[in-house]
Amino acid sequence: MTTPQSPWQPQPGTSGGWPAPPQPQYPTQAGAQVPPPAAPQVPAGGAPQAPQPGWTQLPQAPPTQGGHPGWAPVPQAGQPAYPVAGHPAYPAAGQPAYPPQGWPGAAPPPPAAPGRRGRLALLIAGGLVAVLAVGAGTAWGVSRLVGGGAGDDDELKTAWVLDFPERQDTGLTTYDQQDMFGAWLAGDTVVRAQGDGLLAYRLSDGGQAWGAPAPEGTSLCVAAQAVTEGRGAVAAGSEQSCNTVAGFDLSSGKLTWQAKFPAPVREGRDALAAPDLSVAGQQVIVRSGDTMIGFSLADGKQLWRTTGEKLLPGRDCGFKDMRAAGDLVVVTYGCSTGGEVDALDPATGKVRWRQRLPEAKVTDGVLSVRPLISLPGLGHESYTVRDPKTGRETASFTDPIDGTELWDVPPNRSNAIDGPAVYQCLGDDETLYYPTFPKNVPNSGRSANQIIAIDLATGKRRWISSGHSASKVELIRRDEQGLLAWETGDRRKLPPRLVRIDPATGKVSPVAKGPLSAGFEGEEAKVLERDGVVVIVPWKHVVADRAITVLR
């Protein structure tokens, strides 16, 4: 496999791919899905070799001597040597290490207490994933081919994998060092978002196609899961504060704009606070502390800005959670007495509807915007289904539902960041599809669960999926053929499987069997599929051995 030219080169006419932010404008408050694969979608970025315009130059911890264990900085033939001592290069078996340029130095993440403050379904345009944003400085290079070729119609083979770098013991944050916080299929590439930037690998051969690093001295700290017409948003900051949002374009391969927003500063051993960040139509919505701002997705222009006090004056209320999708921004408040859920127009910030909540109905946030479902709150365990046009309650359900426990542990949980969580559920206007709590499979070393379908009109259970292999199930998508899912299997006896789940009955039908080597890799992972190619990108380096696995 030919190693591609280093992607860490500045774009012509730029200083490294991160544009200067516009001057903030503060107007007075007035009142998905990944695009089709036909159009190639690859962002490209350059490594900042000099201070970036518009970015505050933050103190940078000195690189760890010699870099991470096993990450020797070996330059590729024909490429310049790695410019900073201690920056690790990502080694590939039997291949020269790939030397990205200009990445932040390796700095140990600060210890922080565990905690999550929000939940979100992956189906929502505006889904968020917080990541380790403490200057981890990981560098990633070339993948390694494994066998190659295609399997039979009902058998998948490993095409290539990208191994995780060696884990370091950093106490509470040991398993947070190499977090993935977003993955997309874009053209002929799979894009992995991580603390030190965005990286794309070719689906065809695993070659690294491009890379857009975080500005020097910073790390990405949160990303909107959805993109609109190939455009998305990420945020970056220092070890102390995540305070800059940037837009990226998967079609042109560029980071297109950046803008500052007010953000809390981390104190002592506290976790880093990551903002709520959503892409809603042609807008990017940021909620940081008690400030919420709407930006243009196209150019980063500030469209509106508000606070909890402006929206609910005199009620002693503050923002708890924000999620946005399509034409709706849904905000949850905590107040001195009771709470409230409001919907805003993402283009103007104007209030569309309000629902004041008594103490017994307060909610911690939003599970999903479409369908609109509020989370349980302090003192009650009810999920509330709401009419998206009025916010009124139409149904509710509890956990457990009809005796079946839900699996509500976010796969992106972190000890390093206090940010929004991801929940791997899917839904449509009529039904929510949710994984059940995994149960131990005796004498196997693995656990198994199913998918439960919840009727959103009644809050009752419709069915529990049947016919699975005895392993965990990861939902991939809901389409015209029903539900597509991945059974994770194990590495000893039970191969993973790609399956279909009948949306009417929950009956499972096998589609293809994967190799034993891919067992467990799909647990707590984002699993993608296109034209029979399965791409597995784990959220964390815990059970999984590989940062990316491609099967075909």
Protein backbone atom coordinates (compact mmCIF):
# COMPACT_ATOMS: atom_id res chain seq x y z
CA MET A 1 0.00 0.00 0.00
CA THR A 2 1.39 3.39 -0.96
CA THR A 3 1.61 5.90 1.84
CA PRO A 4 -0.10 9.17 0.80
CA GLN A 5 1.59 12.55 0.81
CA SER A 6 1.42 14.12 4.26
CA PRO A 7 -1.91 15.93 4.71
CA TRP A 8 -0.47 18.37 7.23
CA GLN A 9 0.30 21.09 4.70
CA PRO A 10 -1.19 24.62 4.85
CA GLN A 11 -3.76 25.48 2.23
CA PRO A 12 -2.59 28.06 -0.33
CA GLY A 13 -3.08 31.54 1.01
CA THR A 14 -3.61 30.42 4.60
CA SER A 15 -1.49 29.99 7.68
CA GLY A 16 -2.50 26.43 8.37
CA GLY A 17 -6.17 25.84 7.67
CA TRP A 18 -7.82 27.58 10.66
CA PRO A 19 -9.28 30.90 9.49
CA ALA A 20 -9.38 33.98 11.67
CA PRO A 21 -12.68 34.48 13.49
CA PRO A 22 -14.92 37.40 12.61
CA GLN A 23 -15.32 40.14 15.19
CA PRO A 24 -18.25 39.22 17.44
CA GLN A 25 -21.54 40.98 16.81
CA TYR A 26 -24.12 40.87 19.56
CA PRO A 27 -27.55 41.68 18.15
CA THR A 28 -30.42 42.17 20.55
CA GLN A 29 -32.43 39.05 21.27
CA ALA A 30 -35.71 39.06 19.38
CA GLY A 31 -37.89 37.52 21.46
CA ALA A 32 -28.24 14.07 10.11
CA GLN A 33 -27.59 12.77 8.45
CA VAL A 34 -24.42 12.46 6.37
CA PRO A 35 -25.05 13.68 2.80
CA PRO A 36 -25.36 11.18 -0.06
CA PRO A 37 -22.06 9.51 -0.87
CA ALA A 38 -22.11 10.48 -4.53
CA ALA A 39 -20.29 13.74 -3.91
CA PRO A 40 -16.79 13.32 -2.50
CA GLN A 41 -16.60 14.93 0.92
CA VAL A 42 -13.15 15.39 2.31
CA PRO A 43 -12.02 18.25 4.53
CA ALA A 44 -8.37 19.09 4.36
CA GLY A 45 -6.39 21.20 6.71
CA GLY A 46 -2.90 22.33 7.29
CA ALA A 47 -0.75 22.18 10.34
CA PRO A 48 -0.22 25.56 11.93
CA GLN A 49 3.50 26.29 11.76
CA ALA A 50 3.06 29.79 13.16
CA PRO A 51 0.56 31.43 15.53
CA GLN A 52 -2.90 31.32 14.01
CA PRO A 53 -4.68 34.60 13.30
CA GLY A 54 -7.47 35.21 15.74
CA TRP A 55 -6.43 32.44 18.15
CA THR A 56 -5.15 33.37 21.57
CA GLN A 57 -1.79 31.68 21.93
CA LEU A 58 -2.17 29.49 24.98
CA PRO A 59 0.62 28.12 27.16
CA GLN A 60 1.61 24.68 25.93
CA ALA A 61 2.89 21.97 28.17
CA PRO A 62 6.33 20.68 27.15
CA PRO A 63 6.14 17.42 25.21
CA THR A 64 6.75 14.20 27.04
CA GLN A 65 10.32 13.11 26.49
CA GLY A 66 10.38 10.62 23.65
CA GLY A 67 6.63 10.82 23.06
CA HIS A 68 4.23 8.01 23.91
CA PRO A 69 5.72 4.55 24.42
CA GLY A 70 6.05 2.77 21.08
CA TRP A 71 5.51 5.94 19.04
CA ALA A 72 9.01 6.61 17.75
CA PRO A 73 9.12 9.77 15.60
CA VAL A 74 10.42 8.15 12.42
CA PRO A 75 10.10 10.38 9.33
CA GLN A 76 8.83 8.94 6.08
CA ALA A 77 11.24 8.81 3.19
CA GLY A 78 11.01 11.96 1.14
CA GLN A 79 9.23 13.86 3.90
CA PRO A 80 10.70 16.39 6.33
CA ALA A 81 11.70 15.05 9.73
CA TYR A 82 9.28 15.56 12.57
CA PRO A 83 9.93 19.15 13.68
CA VAL A 84 9.47 18.96 17.45
CA ALA A 85 11.24 16.52 19.73
CA GLY A 86 8.81 14.35 21.63
CA HIS A 87 5.96 14.46 19.12
CA PRO A 88 4.94 10.85 18.54
CA ALA A 89 4.41 9.38 15.09
CA TYR A 90 1.86 6.65 14.59
CA PRO A 91 3.60 3.39 13.66
CA ALA A 92 2.09 0.85 11.30
CA ALA A 93 3.12 -2.76 11.16
CA GLY A 94 5.66 -3.17 8.40
CA GLN A 95 5.33 0.45 7.26
CA PRO A 96 7.18 3.69 8.00
CA ALA A 97 5.59 5.94 10.60
CA TYR A 98 3.52 8.78 9.25
CA PRO A 99 4.86 12.14 10.43
CA PRO A 100 2.14 14.80 10.73
CA GLN A 101 3.50 18.28 11.24
CA GLY A 102 2.48 21.00 13.63
CA TRP A 103 0.34 19.00 16.04
CA PRO A 104 0.18 20.02 19.70
CA GLY A 105 2.78 18.41 21.95
CA ALA A 106 1.95 15.44 24.13
CA ALA A 107 0.77 16.60 27.53
CA PRO A 108 -0.72 14.42 30.25
CA PRO A 109 -4.46 15.03 30.80
CA PRO A 110 -5.48 16.38 34.19
CA PRO A 111 -7.39 14.04 36.50
CA ALA A 112 -11.06 14.82 36.82
CA ALA A 113 -14.03 13.33 38.56
CA PRO A 114 -16.47 11.35 36.42
CA GLY A 115 -19.68 13.06 35.42
CA ARG A 116 -22.07 13.51 32.55
CA ARG A 117 -24.64 16.23 32.29
CA GLY A 118 -26.64 15.44 29.19
CA ARG A 119 -27.95 12.64 27.02
CA LEU A 120 -28.63 12.39 23.32
CA ALA A 121 -29.78 9.93 20.69
CA LEU A 122 -27.54 9.35 17.72
CA LEU A 123 -30.39 9.87 15.27
CA ILE A 124 -30.62 13.56 16.08
CA ALA A 125 -29.11 16.22 13.86
CA GLY A 126 -27.39 18.10 16.60
CA GLY A 127 -26.05 15.09 18.44
CA LEU A 128 -22.95 15.87 20.44
CA VAL A 129 -20.00 14.01 21.72
CA ALA A 130 -17.51 15.45 24.15
CA VAL A 131 -13.88 14.37 23.95
CA LEU A 132 -10.69 14.63 25.87
CA ALA A 133 -9.60 18.20 25.20
CA VAL A 134 -6.49 18.53 27.26
CA GLY A 135 -3.70 18.60 24.72
CA ALA A 136 -3.29 14.85 24.41
CA GLY A 137 -1.23 15.36 21.27
CA THR A 138 -1.84 11.94 19.74
CA ALA A 139 -0.59 11.52 16.20
CA TRP A 140 -2.13 9.02 13.81
CA GLY A 141 -0.66 7.65 10.62
CA VAL A 142 -1.14 4.82 8.16
CA SER A 143 -3.37 1.82 8.58
CA ARG A 144 -2.38 -1.75 7.84
CA LEU A 145 -3.96 -4.05 5.29
CA VAL A 146 -5.33 -7.33 6.62
CA GLY A 147 -5.99 -9.89 3.92
CA GLY A 148 -7.90 -7.56 1.65
CA GLY A 149 -10.42 -8.69 -0.93
CA ALA A 150 -14.13 -9.30 -0.50
CA GLY A 151 -15.86 -12.21 1.18
CA ASP A 152 -18.78 -14.23 -0.04
CA ASP A 153 -22.21 -12.60 -0.16
CA ASP A 154 -22.87 -13.70 3.40
CA GLU A 155 -19.33 -13.27 4.73
CA LEU A 156 -17.35 -10.14 5.50
CA LYS A 157 -13.55 -10.07 5.57
CA THR A 158 -11.23 -7.55 7.15
CA ALA A 159 -9.95 -5.12 4.51
CA TRP A 160 -7.80 -2.94 6.78
CA VAL A 161 -7.51 -1.74 10.35
CA LEU A 162 -6.04 1.25 12.17
CA ASP A 163 -4.59 0.14 15.49
CA PHE A 164 -4.81 2.26 18.62
CA PRO A 165 -1.54 3.60 19.96
CA GLU A 166 -0.33 2.10 23.22
CA ARG A 167 -2.35 3.20 26.24
CA GLN A 168 -0.62 5.07 29.06
CA ASP A 169 -1.59 4.87 32.71
CA THR A 170 -2.83 8.33 33.67
CA GLY A 171 -5.10 7.36 36.52
CA LEU A 172 -8.73 8.33 36.09
CA THR A 173 -8.17 9.42 32.49
CA THR A 174 -6.31 6.30 31.32
CA TYR A 175 -9.20 5.27 29.05
CA ASP A 176 -9.93 8.83 27.82
CA GLN A 177 -6.69 9.50 25.95
CA GLN A 178 -7.71 8.35 22.47
CA ASP A 179 -11.44 9.08 22.42
CA MET A 180 -13.33 9.33 19.17
CA PHE A 181 -16.07 11.94 19.23
CA GLY A 182 -17.41 11.79 15.70
CA ALA A 183 -17.17 9.57 12.61
CA TRP A 184 -18.61 10.02 9.13
CA LEU A 185 -18.49 8.29 5.75
CA ALA A 186 -17.56 11.07 3.32
CA GLY A 187 -17.02 10.20 -0.31
CA ASP A 188 -14.44 7.41 -0.46
CA THR A 189 -13.21 8.10 3.08
CA VAL A 190 -14.05 7.44 6.69
CA VAL A 191 -13.42 10.49 8.86
CA ARG A 192 -12.43 10.12 12.51
CA ALA A 193 -12.63 13.14 14.81
CA GLN A 194 -10.41 13.10 17.90
CA GLY A 195 -8.79 15.48 20.35
CA ASP A 196 -6.02 16.64 18.05
CA GLY A 197 -8.00 16.99 14.83
CA LEU A 198 -9.95 15.41 12.00
CA LEU A 199 -8.41 12.56 10.00
CA ALA A 200 -9.67 10.81 6.86
CA TYR A 201 -8.68 7.37 5.60
CA ARG A 202 -9.53 5.94 2.20
CA LEU A 203 -12.07 3.14 2.36
CA SER A 204 -10.44 1.47 -0.63
CA ASP A 205 -6.99 0.81 0.84
CA GLY A 206 -6.76 2.47 4.27
CA GLY A 207 -4.34 5.13 3.11
CA GLN A 208 -4.51 8.40 5.00
CA ALA A 209 -6.25 10.85 2.68
CA TRP A 210 -6.06 14.11 4.61
CA GLY A 211 -5.90 15.65 8.04
CA ALA A 212 -7.08 18.87 9.66
CA PRO A 213 -5.25 19.36 12.97
CA ALA A 214 -6.43 21.42 15.88
CA PRO A 215 -4.58 24.73 16.19
CA GLU A 216 -1.27 24.60 18.01
CA GLY A 217 -1.67 24.46 21.77
CA THR A 218 -5.34 23.42 21.60
CA SER A 219 -7.45 20.30 21.28
CA LEU A 220 -10.90 19.66 19.90
CA CYS A 221 -13.34 19.36 22.77
CA VAL A 222 -16.76 18.77 21.19
CA ALA A 223 -18.35 18.13 17.80
CA ALA A 224 -21.83 18.26 16.33
CA GLN A 225 -22.69 14.76 15.10
CA ALA A 226 -24.73 15.88 12.12
CA VAL A 227 -23.69 17.74 9.00
CA THR A 228 -25.86 19.73 6.61
CA GLU A 229 -24.92 19.49 2.93
CA GLY A 230 -21.42 18.43 3.88
CA ARG A 231 -20.86 21.17 6.48
CA GLY A 232 -20.36 20.60 10.19
CA ALA A 233 -18.94 22.17 13.33
CA VAL A 234 -16.40 21.43 16.05
CA ALA A 235 -15.10 23.37 19.03
CA ALA A 236 -11.57 23.63 20.38
CA GLY A 237 -9.74 25.12 23.32
CA SER A 238 -6.95 24.81 25.83
CA GLU A 239 -6.59 22.58 28.86
CA GLN A 240 -8.53 25.20 30.82
CA SER A 241 -11.36 26.34 28.55
CA CYS A 242 -13.18 25.15 25.42
CA ASN A 243 -14.11 28.49 23.89
CA THR A 244 -13.82 28.50 20.06
CA VAL A 245 -16.20 27.03 17.49
CA ALA A 246 -15.15 26.31 13.91
CA GLY A 247 -16.98 25.21 10.79
CA PHE A 248 -15.70 22.55 8.42
CA ASP A 249 -16.66 21.61 4.88
CA LEU A 250 -16.44 17.95 3.91
CA SER A 251 -16.75 18.76 0.21
CA SER A 252 -13.98 21.34 -0.11
CA GLY A 253 -11.84 19.79 2.60
CA LYS A 254 -11.38 22.98 4.60
CA LEU A 255 -11.98 24.42 8.02
CA THR A 256 -13.94 27.44 6.88
CA TRP A 257 -14.44 29.77 9.85
CA GLN A 258 -14.02 30.17 13.59
CA ALA A 259 -15.61 32.27 16.33
CA LYS A 260 -15.10 32.74 20.06
CA PHE A 261 -17.81 32.21 22.67
CA PRO A 262 -17.80 32.74 26.46
CA ALA A 263 -16.82 29.55 28.29
CA PRO A 264 -16.13 28.60 31.90
CA VAL A 265 -12.52 28.16 33.00
CA ARG A 266 -11.57 24.86 34.57
CA GLU A 267 -10.51 25.12 38.19
CA GLY A 268 -8.14 22.74 39.93
CA ARG A 269 -8.93 19.10 39.27
CA ASP A 270 -12.41 19.74 37.87
CA ALA A 271 -13.41 18.23 34.55
CA LEU A 272 -13.21 20.44 31.49
CA ALA A 273 -16.63 21.86 30.59
CA ALA A 274 -17.64 21.23 26.97
CA PRO A 275 -20.50 23.25 25.43
CA ASP A 276 -23.66 21.93 23.85
CA LEU A 277 -23.09 22.17 20.09
CA SER A 278 -25.63 21.37 17.36
CA VAL A 279 -25.99 21.78 13.62
CA ALA A 280 -29.62 22.65 12.84
CA GLY A 281 -30.33 23.26 9.17
CA GLN A 282 -28.04 26.08 8.07
CA GLN A 283 -27.23 27.16 11.63
CA VAL A 284 -24.74 26.18 14.32
CA ILE A 285 -26.06 26.55 17.87
CA VAL A 286 -23.70 26.80 20.85
CA ARG A 287 -24.84 26.74 24.49
CA SER A 288 -22.07 27.42 26.97
CA GLY A 289 -23.01 28.06 30.58
CA ASP A 290 -25.92 30.51 30.54
CA THR A 291 -25.14 31.90 27.08
CA MET A 292 -26.58 30.59 23.80
CA ILE A 293 -25.49 31.79 20.35
CA GLY A 294 -26.63 31.03 16.81
CA PHE A 295 -24.06 31.15 14.00
CA SER A 296 -24.37 30.77 10.24
CA LEU A 297 -23.11 27.35 9.22
CA ALA A 298 -21.83 28.75 5.93
CA ASP A 299 -19.59 31.57 7.17
CA GLY A 300 -19.74 31.73 10.98
CA LYS A 301 -21.62 35.02 11.13
CA GLN A 302 -23.32 35.50 14.48
CA LEU A 303 -27.10 35.51 13.95
CA TRP A 304 -28.36 35.92 17.50
CA ARG A 305 -27.31 35.66 21.14
CA THR A 306 -29.31 35.22 24.33
CA THR A 307 -29.20 34.08 27.96
CA GLY A 308 -31.53 32.27 30.32
CA GLU A 309 -32.27 35.53 32.13
CA LYS A 310 -33.24 37.26 28.86
CA LEU A 311 -35.59 34.45 27.89
CA LEU A 312 -37.14 34.01 31.35
CA PRO A 313 -36.59 37.33 33.15
CA GLY A 314 -37.11 37.47 36.90
CA ARG A 315 -37.64 33.72 37.35
CA ASP A 316 -34.17 32.75 38.54
CA CYS A 317 -33.76 30.20 35.73
CA GLY A 318 -30.65 28.98 33.93
CA PHE A 319 -29.94 26.71 30.99
CA LYS A 320 -29.48 23.01 31.75
CA ASP A 321 -29.38 21.55 28.25
CA MET A 322 -29.72 22.48 24.57
CA ARG A 323 -30.32 20.21 21.59
CA ALA A 324 -31.19 21.29 18.06
CA ALA A 325 -32.15 19.57 14.82
CA GLY A 326 -33.70 20.75 11.59
CA ASP A 327 -35.84 23.81 12.33
CA LEU A 328 -36.01 23.43 16.11
CA VAL A 329 -33.80 24.35 19.06
CA VAL A 330 -35.01 22.78 22.31
CA VAL A 331 -33.80 24.33 25.57
CA THR A 332 -34.24 22.92 29.08
CA TYR A 333 -34.07 25.19 32.13
CA GLY A 334 -33.56 24.67 35.82
CA CYS A 335 -35.32 27.26 37.98
CA SER A 336 -35.53 28.07 41.68
CA THR A 337 -38.97 26.46 41.53
CA GLY A 338 -39.85 23.92 38.85
CA GLY A 339 -38.42 24.19 35.35
CA GLU A 340 -39.26 24.83 31.72
CA VAL A 341 -38.78 23.49 28.20
CA ASP A 342 -38.79 25.99 25.31
CA ALA A 343 -38.42 25.70 21.55
CA LEU A 344 -36.59 28.39 19.54
CA ASP A 345 -36.14 29.16 15.87
CA PRO A 346 -32.50 28.31 15.02
CA ALA A 347 -32.28 31.10 12.44
CA THR A 348 -33.55 33.92 14.67
CA GLY A 349 -33.52 32.72 18.26
CA LYS A 350 -37.19 33.65 18.63
CA VAL A 351 -39.29 31.54 20.99
CA ARG A 352 -41.76 29.22 19.25
CA TRP A 353 -43.39 27.68 22.31
CA ARG A 354 -42.95 27.36 26.07
CA GLN A 355 -43.87 24.61 28.50
CA ARG A 356 -43.54 25.48 32.17
CA LEU A 357 -42.90 22.40 34.33
CA PRO A 358 -43.93 21.77 37.93
CA GLU A 359 -41.39 20.36 40.37
CA ALA A 360 -42.66 16.81 39.78
CA LYS A 361 -42.10 17.12 36.01
CA VAL A 362 -38.67 18.77 35.78
CA THR A 363 -36.34 17.23 33.20
CA ASP A 364 -32.57 16.94 32.93
CA GLY A 365 -32.59 17.57 29.19
CA VAL A 366 -33.57 16.13 25.83
CA LEU A 367 -33.01 12.56 24.66
CA SER A 368 -33.88 13.43 21.07
CA VAL A 369 -35.35 16.31 19.07
CA ARG A 370 -36.96 14.17 16.37
CA PRO A 371 -38.90 12.48 17.86
CA LEU A 372 -39.03 14.99 20.72
CA ILE A 373 -38.43 13.15 24.01
CA SER A 374 -37.44 14.71 27.34
CA LEU A 375 -35.27 12.87 29.85
CA PRO A 376 -36.24 12.01 33.41
CA GLY A 377 -35.40 14.54 36.10
CA LEU A 378 -34.79 14.79 39.79
CA GLY A 379 -37.44 12.85 41.69
CA HIS A 380 -39.05 11.01 38.77
CA GLU A 381 -38.07 8.36 36.21
CA SER A 382 -40.38 9.23 33.31
CA TYR A 383 -39.28 9.92 29.75
CA THR A 384 -41.75 12.42 28.25
CA VAL A 385 -42.84 12.32 24.60
CA ARG A 386 -43.76 15.83 23.38
CA ASP A 387 -45.58 17.35 20.42
CA PRO A 388 -42.82 19.17 18.48
CA LYS A 389 -45.28 21.90 17.46
CA THR A 390 -46.44 22.80 20.97
CA GLY A 391 -44.19 21.03 23.46
CA ARG A 392 -47.19 19.46 25.19
CA GLU A 393 -46.82 15.99 26.67
CA THR A 394 -48.41 13.28 24.50
CA ALA A 395 -47.12 10.14 26.23
CA SER A 396 -44.52 8.91 28.70
CA PHE A 397 -42.64 5.77 29.65
CA THR A 398 -40.35 4.70 32.46
CA ASP A 399 -37.20 2.64 32.84
CA PRO A 400 -37.74 -0.27 33.20
CA ILE A 401 -40.60 -0.39 30.70
CA ASP A 402 -42.95 -3.33 31.15
CA GLY A 403 -40.20 -5.07 33.12
CA THR A 404 -37.43 -4.48 30.56
CA GLU A 405 -34.44 -2.35 31.59
CA LEU A 406 -32.96 0.14 29.10
CA TRP A 407 -29.22 0.45 28.43
CA ASP A 408 -28.68 4.13 29.23
CA VAL A 409 -24.89 4.19 29.70
CA PRO A 410 -23.29 6.57 27.18
CA PRO A 411 -20.46 4.99 25.16
CA ASN A 412 -18.52 8.27 25.22
CA ARG A 413 -18.49 8.60 29.02
CA SER A 414 -15.36 10.33 30.22
CA ASN A 415 -13.54 11.22 33.42
CA ALA A 416 -11.86 14.17 31.71
CA ILE A 417 -14.77 16.18 30.31
CA ASP A 418 -18.13 17.34 31.61
CA GLY A 419 -20.04 17.34 28.37
CA PRO A 420 -23.10 16.02 26.54
CA ALA A 421 -23.49 12.27 26.30
CA VAL A 422 -24.39 10.08 23.33
CA TYR A 423 -27.10 7.44 23.52
CA GLN A 424 -27.22 4.84 20.77
CA CYS A 425 -30.92 4.76 20.03
CA LEU A 426 -32.91 5.36 16.87
CA GLY A 427 -36.42 6.65 16.30
CA ASP A 428 -39.08 7.85 13.91
CA ASP A 429 -42.39 9.64 14.41
CA GLU A 430 -44.07 6.54 15.80
CA THR A 431 -41.42 4.39 17.48
CA LEU A 432 -38.27 4.66 19.59
CA TYR A 433 -35.76 1.81 19.26
CA TYR A 434 -33.59 1.40 22.34
CA PRO A 435 -31.02 -1.21 23.45
CA THR A 436 -31.88 -3.23 26.53
CA PHE A 437 -29.60 -3.68 29.53
CA PRO A 438 -26.91 -6.31 28.73
CA LYS A 439 -26.97 -9.55 30.70
CA ASN A 440 -24.02 -11.83 31.28
CA VAL A 441 -23.75 -14.91 29.04
CA PRO A 442 -22.46 -17.76 31.25
CA ASN A 443 -19.01 -19.18 30.47
CA SER A 444 -18.49 -16.89 27.49
CA GLY A 445 -16.74 -13.75 28.71
CA ARG A 446 -19.34 -11.55 27.03
CA SER A 447 -22.77 -10.07 27.66
CA ALA A 448 -25.84 -9.90 25.43
CA ASN A 449 -28.81 -7.62 24.93
CA GLN A 450 -31.67 -6.92 22.51
CA ILE A 451 -33.56 -3.99 21.02
CA ILE A 452 -36.86 -2.81 22.44
CA ALA A 453 -39.42 -0.90 20.34
CA ILE A 454 -41.47 1.70 22.27
CA ASP A 455 -44.76 3.03 20.92
CA LEU A 456 -44.50 6.82 21.15
CA ALA A 457 -48.28 7.25 21.03
CA THR A 458 -48.87 5.17 24.15
CA GLY A 459 -45.49 4.78 25.84
CA LYS A 460 -45.96 1.00 25.75
CA ARG A 461 -43.60 -1.70 24.58
CA ARG A 462 -44.29 -2.92 21.06
CA TRP A 463 -41.77 -5.74 20.89
CA ILE A 464 -38.35 -6.97 21.94
CA SER A 465 -36.13 -8.21 19.14
CA SER A 466 -35.69 -11.97 18.79
CA GLY A 467 -33.26 -14.21 16.95
CA HIS A 468 -29.98 -12.52 17.95
CA SER A 469 -26.73 -14.31 18.60
CA ALA A 470 -25.81 -14.09 22.28
CA SER A 471 -23.90 -10.80 22.14
CA LYS A 472 -24.39 -7.05 22.31
CA VAL A 473 -26.31 -5.25 19.58
CA GLU A 474 -25.32 -1.86 18.10
CA LEU A 475 -27.90 -0.02 16.00
CA ILE A 476 -26.65 1.35 12.68
CA ARG A 477 -29.65 3.05 11.06
CA ARG A 478 -33.37 3.00 10.32
CA ASP A 479 -34.15 2.97 6.59
CA GLU A 480 -36.85 1.84 4.17
CA GLN A 481 -35.90 -1.79 4.78
CA GLY A 482 -36.20 -1.50 8.55
CA LEU A 483 -33.46 -1.52 11.16
CA LEU A 484 -29.85 -2.37 10.35
CA ALA A 485 -27.75 -3.51 13.31
CA TRP A 486 -24.41 -5.09 14.24
CA GLU A 487 -24.05 -7.99 16.66
CA THR A 488 -20.62 -7.60 18.22
CA GLY A 489 -19.73 -11.27 18.84
CA ASP A 490 -16.40 -12.15 20.45
CA ARG A 491 -12.86 -13.10 19.40
CA ARG A 492 -12.99 -16.78 20.36
CA LYS A 493 -16.14 -18.58 19.27
CA LEU A 494 -18.89 -16.20 18.13
CA PRO A 495 -18.29 -14.16 14.96
CA PRO A 496 -20.01 -10.75 14.74
CA ARG A 497 -22.96 -10.38 12.37
CA LEU A 498 -24.66 -7.71 10.29
CA VAL A 499 -28.42 -8.18 10.73
CA ARG A 500 -31.78 -6.70 9.80
CA ILE A 501 -34.54 -6.24 12.38
CA ASP A 502 -38.13 -6.21 11.17
CA PRO A 503 -39.67 -2.92 12.43
CA ALA A 504 -43.10 -4.54 12.66
CA THR A 505 -42.17 -7.66 14.63
CA GLY A 506 -38.61 -7.32 15.90
CA LYS A 507 -37.58 -10.54 14.16
CA VAL A 508 -33.86 -10.69 13.28
CA SER A 509 -32.60 -11.78 9.84
CA PRO A 510 -28.85 -12.32 9.25
CA VAL A 511 -27.26 -10.33 6.43
CA ALA A 512 -23.56 -11.19 6.68
CA LYS A 513 -21.10 -12.77 9.09
CA GLY A 514 -17.93 -10.97 10.11
CA PRO A 515 -14.52 -12.39 11.08
CA LEU A 516 -13.67 -13.41 14.65
CA SER A 517 -10.88 -10.82 14.62
CA ALA A 518 -13.58 -8.11 14.56
CA GLY A 519 -15.31 -9.53 17.63
CA PHE A 520 -15.84 -7.02 20.45
CA GLU A 521 -14.64 -4.16 18.17
CA GLY A 522 -18.25 -3.02 17.67
CA GLU A 523 -19.03 -2.73 21.38
CA GLU A 524 -19.52 0.92 22.28
CA ALA A 525 -18.66 1.96 18.74
CA LYS A 526 -20.16 3.92 15.91
CA VAL A 527 -20.88 1.31 13.25
CA LEU A 528 -21.45 2.57 9.69
CA GLU A 529 -22.43 0.67 6.54
CA ARG A 530 -22.51 1.53 2.86
CA ASP A 531 -22.99 -0.83 -0.08
CA GLY A 532 -21.99 -3.86 1.98
CA VAL A 533 -18.89 -2.24 3.49
CA VAL A 534 -18.99 -2.12 7.30
CA VAL A 535 -16.91 0.49 9.14
CA ILE A 536 -16.42 0.23 12.91
CA VAL A 537 -15.10 3.25 14.83
CA PRO A 538 -15.05 2.77 18.63
CA TRP A 539 -15.73 5.71 20.90
CA LYS A 540 -13.03 4.67 23.36
CA HIS A 541 -9.97 2.45 23.67
CA VAL A 542 -11.38 0.07 26.27
CA VAL A 543 -12.65 -3.21 24.78
CA ALA A 544 -11.61 -2.38 21.21
CA ASP A 545 -8.05 -2.83 19.90
CA ARG A 546 -8.47 -0.77 16.72
CA ALA A 547 -9.38 2.84 16.11
CA ILE A 548 -10.97 1.87 12.77
CA THR A 549 -11.93 -1.52 11.30
CA VAL A 550 -13.17 -1.83 7.71
CA LEU A 551 -14.89 -5.03 6.55
CA ARG A 552 -16.07 -5.86 3.06
